[in-house]
N, C-alpha and C. Protein backbone atom coordinates (compact mmCIF):
# COMPACT_ATOMS: atom_id res chain seq x y z
N MET A 1 -94.58 -63.90 162.32
CA MET A 1 -93.96 -62.88 161.65
C MET A 1 -94.96 -61.70 161.63
N ARG A 2 -94.42 -60.62 161.74
CA ARG A 2 -95.27 -59.62 161.80
C ARG A 2 -95.73 -59.07 159.99
N LYS A 3 -96.75 -58.84 159.67
CA LYS A 3 -97.03 -58.19 158.38
C LYS A 3 -96.56 -56.68 158.30
N ILE A 4 -95.92 -56.23 157.35
CA ILE A 4 -96.04 -54.94 157.24
C ILE A 4 -97.42 -54.20 156.43
N ASN A 5 -98.13 -53.27 157.24
CA ASN A 5 -99.05 -52.44 156.72
C ASN A 5 -98.68 -51.49 155.65
N ALA A 6 -98.67 -51.56 154.36
CA ALA A 6 -98.04 -50.66 153.36
C ALA A 6 -98.72 -49.26 153.52
N MET A 7 -99.68 -49.15 153.83
CA MET A 7 -100.79 -47.55 154.25
C MET A 7 -99.81 -47.12 155.22
N ASP A 8 -99.60 -47.92 156.45
CA ASP A 8 -98.96 -47.33 157.70
C ASP A 8 -97.58 -46.97 157.17
N PHE A 9 -96.86 -47.96 156.45
CA PHE A 9 -95.62 -47.60 155.89
C PHE A 9 -95.30 -46.11 155.31
N TRP A 10 -96.25 -45.73 154.17
CA TRP A 10 -96.27 -44.58 153.35
C TRP A 10 -96.67 -43.31 154.54
N ARG A 11 -97.58 -43.76 155.26
CA ARG A 11 -97.77 -42.39 156.23
C ARG A 11 -96.42 -42.15 157.12
N ARG A 12 -96.04 -43.28 157.54
CA ARG A 12 -94.39 -43.03 158.39
C ARG A 12 -93.73 -42.17 157.61
N MET A 13 -93.41 -42.86 156.30
CA MET A 13 -92.63 -42.01 155.11
C MET A 13 -93.23 -40.63 155.34
N ASP A 14 -94.17 -40.17 155.08
CA ASP A 14 -94.84 -38.83 154.79
C ASP A 14 -94.39 -37.89 155.87
N ILE A 15 -94.49 -38.60 157.22
CA ILE A 15 -94.39 -37.79 158.30
C ILE A 15 -92.38 -37.61 158.55
N PHE A 16 -91.82 -38.87 158.21
CA PHE A 16 -90.53 -38.50 158.43
C PHE A 16 -89.98 -37.76 157.28
N MET A 17 -90.48 -37.50 156.08
CA MET A 17 -90.19 -36.60 155.14
C MET A 17 -90.60 -35.08 155.41
N GLU A 18 -91.47 -35.06 156.25
CA GLU A 18 -92.00 -33.72 156.64
C GLU A 18 -91.14 -33.18 157.86
N ARG A 19 -91.04 -34.02 158.83
CA ARG A 19 -90.21 -33.63 160.00
C ARG A 19 -88.58 -33.10 159.36
N ASN A 20 -88.24 -33.67 158.30
CA ASN A 20 -86.79 -33.43 157.90
C ASN A 20 -86.74 -32.21 157.09
N GLY A 21 -88.00 -32.19 156.55
CA GLY A 21 -88.04 -31.03 155.27
C GLY A 21 -87.75 -31.48 153.96
N VAL A 22 -87.65 -32.64 153.65
CA VAL A 22 -87.26 -33.39 152.73
C VAL A 22 -88.46 -33.81 151.33
N PRO A 23 -88.28 -33.28 150.47
CA PRO A 23 -89.24 -33.54 149.50
C PRO A 23 -89.06 -34.85 148.65
N TYR A 24 -89.89 -35.70 148.31
CA TYR A 24 -89.74 -37.19 147.83
C TYR A 24 -88.82 -36.86 146.58
N LYS A 25 -88.81 -35.61 145.65
CA LYS A 25 -87.65 -35.82 144.69
C LYS A 25 -86.30 -35.72 145.37
N THR A 26 -85.98 -34.81 146.37
CA THR A 26 -84.67 -34.73 147.03
C THR A 26 -84.38 -36.12 147.58
N PHE A 27 -85.17 -36.66 148.25
CA PHE A 27 -85.18 -38.13 149.18
C PHE A 27 -84.64 -39.14 148.15
N CYS A 28 -85.18 -39.25 146.62
CA CYS A 28 -85.09 -39.99 145.65
C CYS A 28 -83.63 -39.92 144.99
N LYS A 29 -83.60 -38.64 144.93
CA LYS A 29 -82.25 -38.08 144.37
C LYS A 29 -81.05 -38.21 144.75
N ASP A 30 -81.08 -38.03 146.07
CA ASP A 30 -80.41 -38.49 147.40
C ASP A 30 -79.60 -39.92 147.23
N ASN A 31 -80.69 -40.81 147.42
CA ASN A 31 -80.63 -42.23 147.42
C ASN A 31 -80.66 -42.94 146.01
N ALA A 32 -80.38 -42.28 144.80
CA ALA A 32 -80.49 -43.09 143.49
C ALA A 32 -81.64 -44.03 143.07
N PHE A 33 -82.75 -43.45 143.90
CA PHE A 33 -83.87 -44.03 143.87
C PHE A 33 -84.88 -43.43 142.58
N ASN A 34 -85.64 -44.33 141.62
CA ASN A 34 -86.20 -43.90 140.73
C ASN A 34 -87.57 -43.25 141.23
N TYR A 35 -87.57 -41.77 140.81
CA TYR A 35 -88.58 -40.88 141.27
C TYR A 35 -90.30 -41.47 141.09
N SER A 36 -90.25 -42.10 140.10
CA SER A 36 -91.67 -42.65 139.52
C SER A 36 -92.04 -43.68 140.31
N THR A 37 -91.22 -44.75 140.32
CA THR A 37 -91.17 -45.91 141.00
C THR A 37 -91.29 -45.90 142.22
N ILE A 38 -91.01 -44.98 143.26
CA ILE A 38 -91.26 -44.53 144.62
C ILE A 38 -92.82 -44.25 144.89
N MET A 39 -93.11 -43.30 143.99
CA MET A 39 -94.29 -42.35 143.86
C MET A 39 -95.48 -43.47 143.38
N ASN A 40 -95.30 -44.14 142.52
CA ASN A 40 -96.35 -45.35 142.38
C ASN A 40 -96.20 -46.51 143.25
N GLN A 41 -95.24 -46.80 144.18
CA GLN A 41 -95.67 -47.24 145.11
C GLN A 41 -96.28 -46.90 146.30
N ARG A 42 -96.01 -45.66 146.72
CA ARG A 42 -96.56 -44.68 147.53
C ARG A 42 -98.19 -44.80 147.21
N ASN A 43 -98.29 -44.46 145.74
CA ASN A 43 -100.01 -44.01 145.54
C ASN A 43 -100.75 -45.39 145.43
N ARG A 44 -99.95 -46.61 145.18
CA ARG A 44 -100.62 -47.81 145.23
C ARG A 44 -100.70 -48.78 146.70
N ASN A 45 -100.30 -47.82 147.47
CA ASN A 45 -99.74 -48.62 149.04
C ASN A 45 -98.77 -49.87 149.02
N ALA A 46 -97.90 -49.94 148.13
CA ALA A 46 -96.73 -51.38 147.95
C ALA A 46 -95.84 -50.76 148.66
N ILE A 47 -95.58 -51.71 149.29
CA ILE A 47 -94.08 -51.61 149.91
C ILE A 47 -92.81 -51.60 148.80
N PRO A 48 -91.67 -51.12 149.51
CA PRO A 48 -90.75 -51.00 148.35
C PRO A 48 -90.44 -52.73 148.14
N SER A 49 -89.85 -52.57 146.94
CA SER A 49 -89.48 -54.32 146.43
C SER A 49 -88.24 -55.25 147.13
N THR A 50 -87.55 -54.01 147.92
CA THR A 50 -86.16 -54.80 148.00
C THR A 50 -86.03 -54.36 149.78
N ILE A 51 -85.44 -55.51 150.39
CA ILE A 51 -84.98 -55.23 151.71
C ILE A 51 -84.00 -54.07 152.02
N GLY A 52 -82.73 -53.97 150.80
CA GLY A 52 -82.25 -52.96 150.76
C GLY A 52 -82.64 -51.65 150.51
N GLN A 53 -83.56 -51.25 149.57
CA GLN A 53 -84.51 -50.16 149.55
C GLN A 53 -84.53 -49.74 150.92
N MET A 54 -85.22 -50.56 151.83
CA MET A 54 -86.26 -50.35 153.12
C MET A 54 -84.84 -49.60 154.12
N LEU A 55 -83.79 -50.51 153.85
CA LEU A 55 -82.57 -50.39 154.81
C LEU A 55 -81.84 -48.72 154.35
N ILE A 56 -81.94 -48.49 153.29
CA ILE A 56 -81.66 -47.28 152.73
C ILE A 56 -82.47 -46.14 153.04
N MET A 57 -83.74 -46.32 153.24
CA MET A 57 -84.58 -45.46 153.38
C MET A 57 -84.70 -45.18 155.27
N SER A 58 -84.47 -46.00 156.01
CA SER A 58 -84.32 -45.87 157.61
C SER A 58 -83.17 -45.34 157.80
N GLU A 59 -82.04 -45.75 157.43
CA GLU A 59 -80.76 -45.16 157.16
C GLU A 59 -80.41 -43.40 156.99
N TYR A 60 -81.18 -43.38 156.08
CA TYR A 60 -81.47 -41.91 155.59
C TYR A 60 -81.99 -40.92 156.69
N PHE A 61 -83.17 -41.51 157.39
CA PHE A 61 -83.72 -40.43 158.43
C PHE A 61 -83.24 -40.95 159.73
N GLY A 62 -81.96 -41.68 159.88
CA GLY A 62 -81.44 -42.25 160.90
C GLY A 62 -82.27 -42.96 162.38
N ILE A 63 -83.17 -43.96 161.37
CA ILE A 63 -84.13 -44.71 162.52
C ILE A 63 -83.64 -45.92 161.99
N GLY A 64 -84.14 -46.91 162.98
CA GLY A 64 -84.03 -48.35 162.97
C GLY A 64 -85.14 -48.69 161.94
N ILE A 65 -84.75 -49.69 161.12
CA ILE A 65 -85.94 -50.42 160.31
C ILE A 65 -87.04 -50.60 160.80
N ASP A 66 -87.26 -51.28 161.52
CA ASP A 66 -88.17 -51.51 162.87
C ASP A 66 -88.99 -50.74 162.67
N GLU A 67 -88.61 -49.10 163.19
CA GLU A 67 -89.27 -48.00 163.36
C GLU A 67 -89.96 -47.67 161.92
N MET A 68 -89.21 -47.67 160.77
CA MET A 68 -89.23 -47.38 159.43
C MET A 68 -90.57 -48.53 159.05
N LEU A 69 -90.47 -50.03 159.55
CA LEU A 69 -91.29 -50.65 158.89
C LEU A 69 -92.78 -50.68 159.48
N PHE A 70 -92.66 -50.76 161.31
CA PHE A 70 -93.46 -51.38 162.15
C PHE A 70 -94.47 -49.70 162.53
N GLY A 71 -93.21 -48.69 162.70
CA GLY A 71 -93.86 -47.74 163.78
C GLY A 71 -93.27 -47.95 165.04
N LYS A 72 -92.61 -48.76 165.10
CA LYS A 72 -92.16 -49.05 166.79
C LYS A 72 -90.45 -48.85 166.75
N LYS A 73 -90.01 -48.41 167.96
CA LYS A 73 -88.46 -48.75 167.89
C LYS A 73 -88.39 -49.96 168.84
N LYS A 74 -87.37 -50.73 168.05
CA LYS A 74 -87.49 -52.27 169.12
C LYS A 74 -86.35 -51.83 170.06
N ASP A 75 -86.00 -52.32 171.01
CA ASP A 75 -85.58 -52.34 172.18
C ASP A 75 -84.13 -53.46 172.04
N PRO A 76 -83.17 -52.68 171.75
CA PRO A 76 -82.08 -53.46 171.37
C PRO A 76 -81.33 -54.73 172.23
N ASN A 77 -82.04 -54.73 173.60
CA ASN A 77 -81.63 -55.98 174.40
C ASN A 77 -82.71 -56.75 174.04
N GLN A 78 -83.98 -56.88 173.49
CA GLN A 78 -85.23 -57.68 173.13
C GLN A 78 -84.40 -59.29 172.71
N ASN A 79 -83.52 -59.15 171.54
CA ASN A 79 -83.41 -60.40 171.64
C ASN A 79 -82.37 -61.60 172.47
N ILE A 80 -81.77 -60.81 173.05
CA ILE A 80 -80.85 -61.31 174.34
C ILE A 80 -81.98 -61.67 175.18
N LEU A 81 -83.06 -60.89 175.58
CA LEU A 81 -83.91 -61.57 176.75
C LEU A 81 -84.75 -62.41 176.22
N ASP A 82 -85.09 -62.60 174.80
CA ASP A 82 -85.76 -63.62 174.02
C ASP A 82 -85.14 -65.02 174.33
N ALA A 83 -83.81 -64.62 173.96
CA ALA A 83 -83.39 -65.97 173.88
C ALA A 83 -82.97 -66.66 175.56
N LEU A 84 -82.41 -65.45 176.58
CA LEU A 84 -82.57 -65.99 177.84
C LEU A 84 -84.02 -66.88 178.14
N GLU A 85 -85.13 -66.12 177.90
CA GLU A 85 -86.13 -67.00 178.20
C GLU A 85 -86.83 -68.38 177.71
N GLN A 86 -85.77 -68.19 176.24
CA GLN A 86 -85.94 -69.51 175.73
C GLN A 86 -84.88 -70.80 176.28
N ALA A 87 -84.16 -70.18 177.17
CA ALA A 87 -83.21 -71.14 177.73
C ALA A 87 -83.79 -71.81 178.86
N ASP A 88 -84.52 -70.83 179.66
CA ASP A 88 -85.37 -71.40 180.89
C ASP A 88 -85.98 -72.37 180.73
């Protein structure tokens, strides 16, 4: 299982925010997130507490959750390839 690096997660969030011209306050308001909570998590390098929050974040920016959490786009065929390799 891959571990999520919280510092890298928030760096990616900063990049997504900047690229989309969205300040954290706007992002939080648009998604019904508590701004203080998000900023505390960011400042403490703590990842959001629920998978639901992370899914909302990734959907907001139109990216997959793998890219949000790990910085890499997942090949949609990878699960199929993994299953085929295990079947051999």
